[in-house]
Amino acid sequence: MVTLEQIKLLESKLTRAINFVTQVTDENNSLKKRNDALEKTIITLKEEKTRIEEGIVSALGKLNQFEDAIERSLGSVVSAGPAGSASSIKSTPKPVQAVKTKPAVPSAYTVDEETADTASVADEDSLSDEEPGTAGMSEDFDEIDSGEAELDIF
């Protein structure tokens, strides 16, 4: 037979089971709400991802158009001929041509062709006091002629 104690034990177990089912049902409902919110977030993120991808594709398209425009402009410059040749695009310096001028030589150091045969070399005493290659040079070198005189080497 069934005793009163067994019925009370059965009743307490049923109460705990009912509480547990209620608790699990509430948790399930909150998880469903959370799931719905996360699904909305996923949809939003997918839309943003699509917009970002479209923006990147658009930017790449514009970049390609820009590169094509550059290539076309460079192509027209290259095909334009010498005035717009590819070498003129590069910034290579053009050679500078030196201007040939006659050196300014003081008249004291010019040698006439007629007197060159009779010119004498400075004596050894004058060379000993001066540095080599400076024999006969005046101390006052600032007084240079206008450059009209010419040095004949031959």
C-alpha atoms as a PDB file:
ATOM      1  CA  MET A   1       0.000   0.000   0.000  1.00  0.00           C
ATOM      2  CA  VAL A   2       0.823   3.553  -0.487  1.00  0.00           C
ATOM      3  CA  THR A   3       1.657   5.537   2.510  1.00  0.00           C
ATOM      4  CA  LEU A   4       1.213   9.183   3.231  1.00  0.00           C
ATOM      5  CA  GLU A   5       4.962   9.708   3.230  1.00  0.00           C
ATOM      6  CA  GLN A   6       5.292   8.335  -0.292  1.00  0.00           C
ATOM      7  CA  ILE A   7       2.561  10.685  -1.531  1.00  0.00           C
ATOM      8  CA  LYS A   8       4.293  13.684   0.063  1.00  0.00           C
ATOM      9  CA  LEU A   9       7.599  12.640  -1.514  1.00  0.00           C
ATOM     10  CA  LEU A  10       5.890  12.282  -4.913  1.00  0.00           C
ATOM     11  CA  GLU A  11       4.264  15.692  -4.509  1.00  0.00           C
ATOM     12  CA  SER A  12       7.604  17.406  -3.683  1.00  0.00           C
ATOM     13  CA  LYS A  13       9.247  15.761  -6.703  1.00  0.00           C
ATOM     14  CA  LEU A  14       6.398  16.938  -8.943  1.00  0.00           C
ATOM     15  CA  THR A  15       6.724  20.485  -7.584  1.00  0.00           C
ATOM     16  CA  ARG A  16      10.466  20.511  -8.293  1.00  0.00           C
ATOM     17  CA  ALA A  17       9.871  19.156 -11.812  1.00  0.00           C
ATOM     18  CA  ILE A  18       7.207  21.795 -12.495  1.00  0.00           C
ATOM     19  CA  ASN A  19       9.575  24.559 -11.259  1.00  0.00           C
ATOM     20  CA  PHE A  20      12.378  23.151 -13.368  1.00  0.00           C
ATOM     21  CA  VAL A  21      10.163  23.034 -16.503  1.00  0.00           C
ATOM     22  CA  THR A  22       9.025  26.616 -15.866  1.00  0.00           C
ATOM     23  CA  GLN A  23      12.614  27.768 -15.422  1.00  0.00           C
ATOM     24  CA  VAL A  24      13.756  25.976 -18.601  1.00  0.00           C
ATOM     25  CA  THR A  25      10.781  27.395 -20.519  1.00  0.00           C
ATOM     26  CA  ASP A  26      11.663  30.951 -19.413  1.00  0.00           C
ATOM     27  CA  GLU A  27      15.311  30.404 -20.348  1.00  0.00           C
ATOM     28  CA  ASN A  28      14.230  28.980 -23.713  1.00  0.00           C
ATOM     29  CA  ASN A  29      12.088  32.066 -24.371  1.00  0.00           C
ATOM     30  CA  SER A  30      14.944  34.422 -23.492  1.00  0.00           C
ATOM     31  CA  LEU A  31      17.292  32.422 -25.746  1.00  0.00           C
ATOM     32  CA  LYS A  32      14.740  32.661 -28.570  1.00  0.00           C
ATOM     33  CA  LYS A  33      14.645  36.455 -28.103  1.00  0.00           C
ATOM     34  CA  ARG A  34      18.437  36.569 -28.072  1.00  0.00           C
ATOM     35  CA  ASN A  35      18.524  34.388 -31.197  1.00  0.00           C
ATOM     36  CA  ASP A  36      16.095  36.728 -32.968  1.00  0.00           C
ATOM     37  CA  ALA A  37      18.240  39.760 -32.040  1.00  0.00           C
ATOM     38  CA  LEU A  38      21.379  37.998 -33.288  1.00  0.00           C
ATOM     39  CA  GLU A  39      19.665  37.067 -36.557  1.00  0.00           C
ATOM     40  CA  LYS A  40      18.717  40.726 -37.055  1.00  0.00           C
ATOM     41  CA  THR A  41      22.335  41.671 -36.377  1.00  0.00           C
ATOM     42  CA  ILE A  42      23.505  39.075 -38.897  1.00  0.00           C
ATOM     43  CA  ILE A  43      21.133  40.487 -41.509  1.00  0.00           C
ATOM     44  CA  THR A  44      22.394  44.014 -40.778  1.00  0.00           C
ATOM     45  CA  LEU A  45      26.033  42.874 -41.007  1.00  0.00           C
ATOM     46  CA  LYS A  46      25.358  41.079 -44.287  1.00  0.00           C
ATOM     47  CA  GLU A  47      23.801  44.268 -45.688  1.00  0.00           C
ATOM     48  CA  GLU A  48      26.787  46.302 -44.504  1.00  0.00           C
ATOM     49  CA  LYS A  49      29.158  43.708 -45.973  1.00  0.00           C
ATOM     50  CA  THR A  50      27.338  43.985 -49.294  1.00  0.00           C
ATOM     51  CA  ARG A  51      27.583  47.784 -49.206  1.00  0.00           C
ATOM     52  CA  ILE A  52      31.283  47.591 -48.318  1.00  0.00           C
ATOM     53  CA  GLU A  53      31.932  45.132 -51.153  1.00  0.00           C
ATOM     54  CA  GLU A  54      30.041  47.380 -53.573  1.00  0.00           C
ATOM     55  CA  GLY A  55      32.098  50.361 -52.368  1.00  0.00           C
ATOM     56  CA  ILE A  56      35.350  48.467 -52.862  1.00  0.00           C
ATOM     57  CA  VAL A  57      34.291  47.329 -56.341  1.00  0.00           C
ATOM     58  CA  SER A  58      33.313  50.911 -57.173  1.00  0.00           C
ATOM     59  CA  ALA A  59      36.652  52.258 -55.887  1.00  0.00           C
ATOM     60  CA  LEU A  60      38.550  49.628 -57.886  1.00  0.00           C
ATOM     61  CA  GLY A  61      36.556  50.567 -60.979  1.00  0.00           C
ATOM     62  CA  LYS A  62      37.422  54.226 -60.513  1.00  0.00           C
ATOM     63  CA  LEU A  63      41.071  53.296 -59.944  1.00  0.00           C
ATOM     64  CA  ASN A  64      41.046  51.279 -63.178  1.00  0.00           C
ATOM     65  CA  GLN A  65      39.506  54.232 -65.017  1.00  0.00           C
ATOM     66  CA  PHE A  66      42.200  56.503 -63.566  1.00  0.00           C
ATOM     67  CA  GLU A  67      44.969  54.096 -64.620  1.00  0.00           C
ATOM     68  CA  ASP A  68      43.452  53.823 -68.101  1.00  0.00           C
ATOM     69  CA  ALA A  69      43.336  57.611 -68.394  1.00  0.00           C
ATOM     70  CA  ILE A  70      46.987  57.840 -67.327  1.00  0.00           C
ATOM     71  CA  GLU A  71      47.987  55.149 -69.828  1.00  0.00           C
ATOM     72  CA  ARG A  72      46.060  56.910 -72.596  1.00  0.00           C
ATOM     73  CA  SER A  73      47.691  60.240 -71.803  1.00  0.00           C
ATOM     74  CA  LEU A  74      51.141  58.660 -71.656  1.00  0.00           C
ATOM     75  CA  GLY A  75      50.413  56.784 -74.861  1.00  0.00           C
ATOM     76  CA  SER A  76      49.449  59.997 -76.630  1.00  0.00           C
ATOM     77  CA  VAL A  77      52.589  61.704 -75.343  1.00  0.00           C
ATOM     78  CA  VAL A  78      54.774  58.820 -76.536  1.00  0.00           C
ATOM     79  CA  SER A  79      53.102  58.671 -79.942  1.00  0.00           C
ATOM     80  CA  ALA A  80      53.295  62.466 -80.362  1.00  0.00           C
ATOM     81  CA  GLY A  81      56.857  62.231 -81.659  1.00  0.00           C
ATOM     82  CA  PRO A  82      60.111  63.917 -80.662  1.00  0.00           C
ATOM     83  CA  ALA A  83      58.461  66.851 -78.916  1.00  0.00           C
ATOM     84  CA  GLY A  84      56.543  64.536 -76.638  1.00  0.00           C
ATOM     85  CA  SER A  85      58.794  61.520 -76.715  1.00  0.00           C
ATOM     86  CA  ALA A  86      59.106  59.167 -73.804  1.00  0.00           C
ATOM     87  CA  SER A  87      62.623  60.395 -73.173  1.00  0.00           C
ATOM     88  CA  SER A  88      61.323  63.914 -72.686  1.00  0.00           C
ATOM     89  CA  ILE A  89      58.951  62.635 -70.008  1.00  0.00           C
ATOM     90  CA  LYS A  90      61.807  61.359 -67.948  1.00  0.00           C
ATOM     91  CA  SER A  91      63.642  64.085 -66.147  1.00  0.00           C
ATOM     92  CA  THR A  92      67.062  63.448 -67.621  1.00  0.00           C
ATOM     93  CA  PRO A  93      69.249  66.515 -67.546  1.00  0.00           C
ATOM     94  CA  LYS A  94      70.416  67.808 -70.889  1.00  0.00           C
ATOM     95  CA  PRO A  95      74.178  68.226 -71.234  1.00  0.00           C
ATOM     96  CA  VAL A  96      75.375  71.746 -70.708  1.00  0.00           C
ATOM     97  CA  GLN A  97      77.692  72.941 -73.428  1.00  0.00           C
ATOM     98  CA  ALA A  98      80.667  74.897 -72.232  1.00  0.00           C
ATOM     99  CA  VAL A  99      81.174  78.344 -73.657  1.00  0.00           C
ATOM    100  CA  LYS A 100      84.655  78.623 -75.118  1.00  0.00           C
ATOM    101  CA  THR A 101      86.337  81.837 -74.178  1.00  0.00           C
ATOM    102  CA  LYS A 102      89.915  82.914 -74.367  1.00  0.00           C
ATOM    103  CA  PRO A 103      91.629  82.910 -71.010  1.00  0.00           C
ATOM    104  CA  ALA A 104      92.544  86.269 -69.583  1.00  0.00           C
ATOM    105  CA  VAL A 105      96.306  86.366 -69.607  1.00  0.00           C
ATOM    106  CA  PRO A 106      98.232  89.377 -68.311  1.00  0.00           C
ATOM    107  CA  SER A 107     100.331  91.022 -70.981  1.00  0.00           C
ATOM    108  CA  ALA A 108     103.406  90.480 -68.851  1.00  0.00           C
ATOM    109  CA  TYR A 109     103.083  86.743 -69.454  1.00  0.00           C
ATOM    110  CA  THR A 110     102.329  86.734 -73.173  1.00  0.00           C
ATOM    111  CA  VAL A 111     104.991  85.721 -75.613  1.00  0.00           C
ATOM    112  CA  ASP A 112     105.232  87.149 -79.077  1.00  0.00           C
ATOM    113  CA  GLU A 113     105.992  84.582 -81.736  1.00  0.00           C
ATOM    114  CA  GLU A 114     108.811  86.798 -83.024  1.00  0.00           C
ATOM    115  CA  THR A 115     110.444  87.145 -79.625  1.00  0.00           C
ATOM    116  CA  ALA A 116     109.774  83.566 -78.548  1.00  0.00           C
ATOM    117  CA  ASP A 117     112.922  82.397 -80.271  1.00  0.00           C
ATOM    118  CA  THR A 118     115.074  84.883 -78.401  1.00  0.00           C
ATOM    119  CA  ALA A 119     113.351  84.633 -75.019  1.00  0.00           C
ATOM    120  CA  SER A 120     115.689  83.733 -72.200  1.00  0.00           C
ATOM    121  CA  VAL A 121     114.976  81.582 -69.201  1.00  0.00           C
ATOM    122  CA  ALA A 122     115.186  83.174 -65.766  1.00  0.00           C
ATOM    123  CA  ASP A 123     118.484  82.646 -64.050  1.00  0.00           C
ATOM    124  CA  GLU A 124     118.905  80.020 -61.359  1.00  0.00           C
ATOM    125  CA  ASP A 125     119.115  82.539 -58.479  1.00  0.00           C
ATOM    126  CA  SER A 126     115.572  83.822 -59.049  1.00  0.00           C
ATOM    127  CA  LEU A 127     114.206  80.290 -59.049  1.00  0.00           C
ATOM    128  CA  SER A 128     115.700  79.336 -55.715  1.00  0.00           C
ATOM    129  CA  ASP A 129     113.706  81.907 -53.698  1.00  0.00           C
ATOM    130  CA  GLU A 130     110.368  81.239 -55.367  1.00  0.00           C
ATOM    131  CA  GLU A 131     108.099  78.238 -55.524  1.00  0.00           C
ATOM    132  CA  PRO A 132     108.378  76.065 -58.599  1.00  0.00           C
ATOM    133  CA  GLY A 133     106.295  77.352 -61.503  1.00  0.00           C
ATOM    134  CA  THR A 134     106.067  80.907 -60.125  1.00  0.00           C
ATOM    135  CA  ALA A 135     109.285  82.303 -61.596  1.00  0.00           C
ATOM    136  CA  GLY A 136     108.780  85.799 -62.949  1.00  0.00           C
ATOM    137  CA  MET A 137     105.237  86.221 -61.619  1.00  0.00           C
ATOM    138  CA  SER A 138     104.514  89.536 -60.009  1.00  0.00           C
ATOM    139  CA  GLU A 139     103.224  89.763 -56.468  1.00  0.00           C
ATOM    140  CA  ASP A 140     100.435  92.062 -57.584  1.00  0.00           C
ATOM    141  CA  PHE A 141      98.369  89.532 -59.584  1.00  0.00           C
ATOM    142  CA  ASP A 142      95.158  91.580 -59.275  1.00  0.00           C
ATOM    143  CA  GLU A 143      96.225  93.864 -62.098  1.00  0.00           C
ATOM    144  CA  ILE A 144      95.165  91.637 -64.986  1.00  0.00           C
ATOM    145  CA  ASP A 145      94.640  93.111 -68.440  1.00  0.00           C
ATOM    146  CA  SER A 146      91.228  93.073 -70.026  1.00  0.00           C
ATOM    147  CA  GLY A 147      91.957  89.694 -71.589  1.00  0.00           C
ATOM    148  CA  GLU A 148      92.854  91.047 -75.019  1.00  0.00           C
ATOM    149  CA  ALA A 149      96.216  89.307 -74.990  1.00  0.00           C
ATOM    150  CA  GLU A 150      96.344  85.727 -76.134  1.00  0.00           C
ATOM    151  CA  LEU A 151      98.661  82.946 -75.026  1.00  0.00           C
ATOM    152  CA  ASP A 152     100.290  81.228 -77.987  1.00  0.00           C
ATOM    153  CA  ILE A 153     101.437  77.741 -77.162  1.00  0.00           C
ATOM    154  CA  PHE A 154     102.792  76.726 -80.573  1.00  0.00           C
END
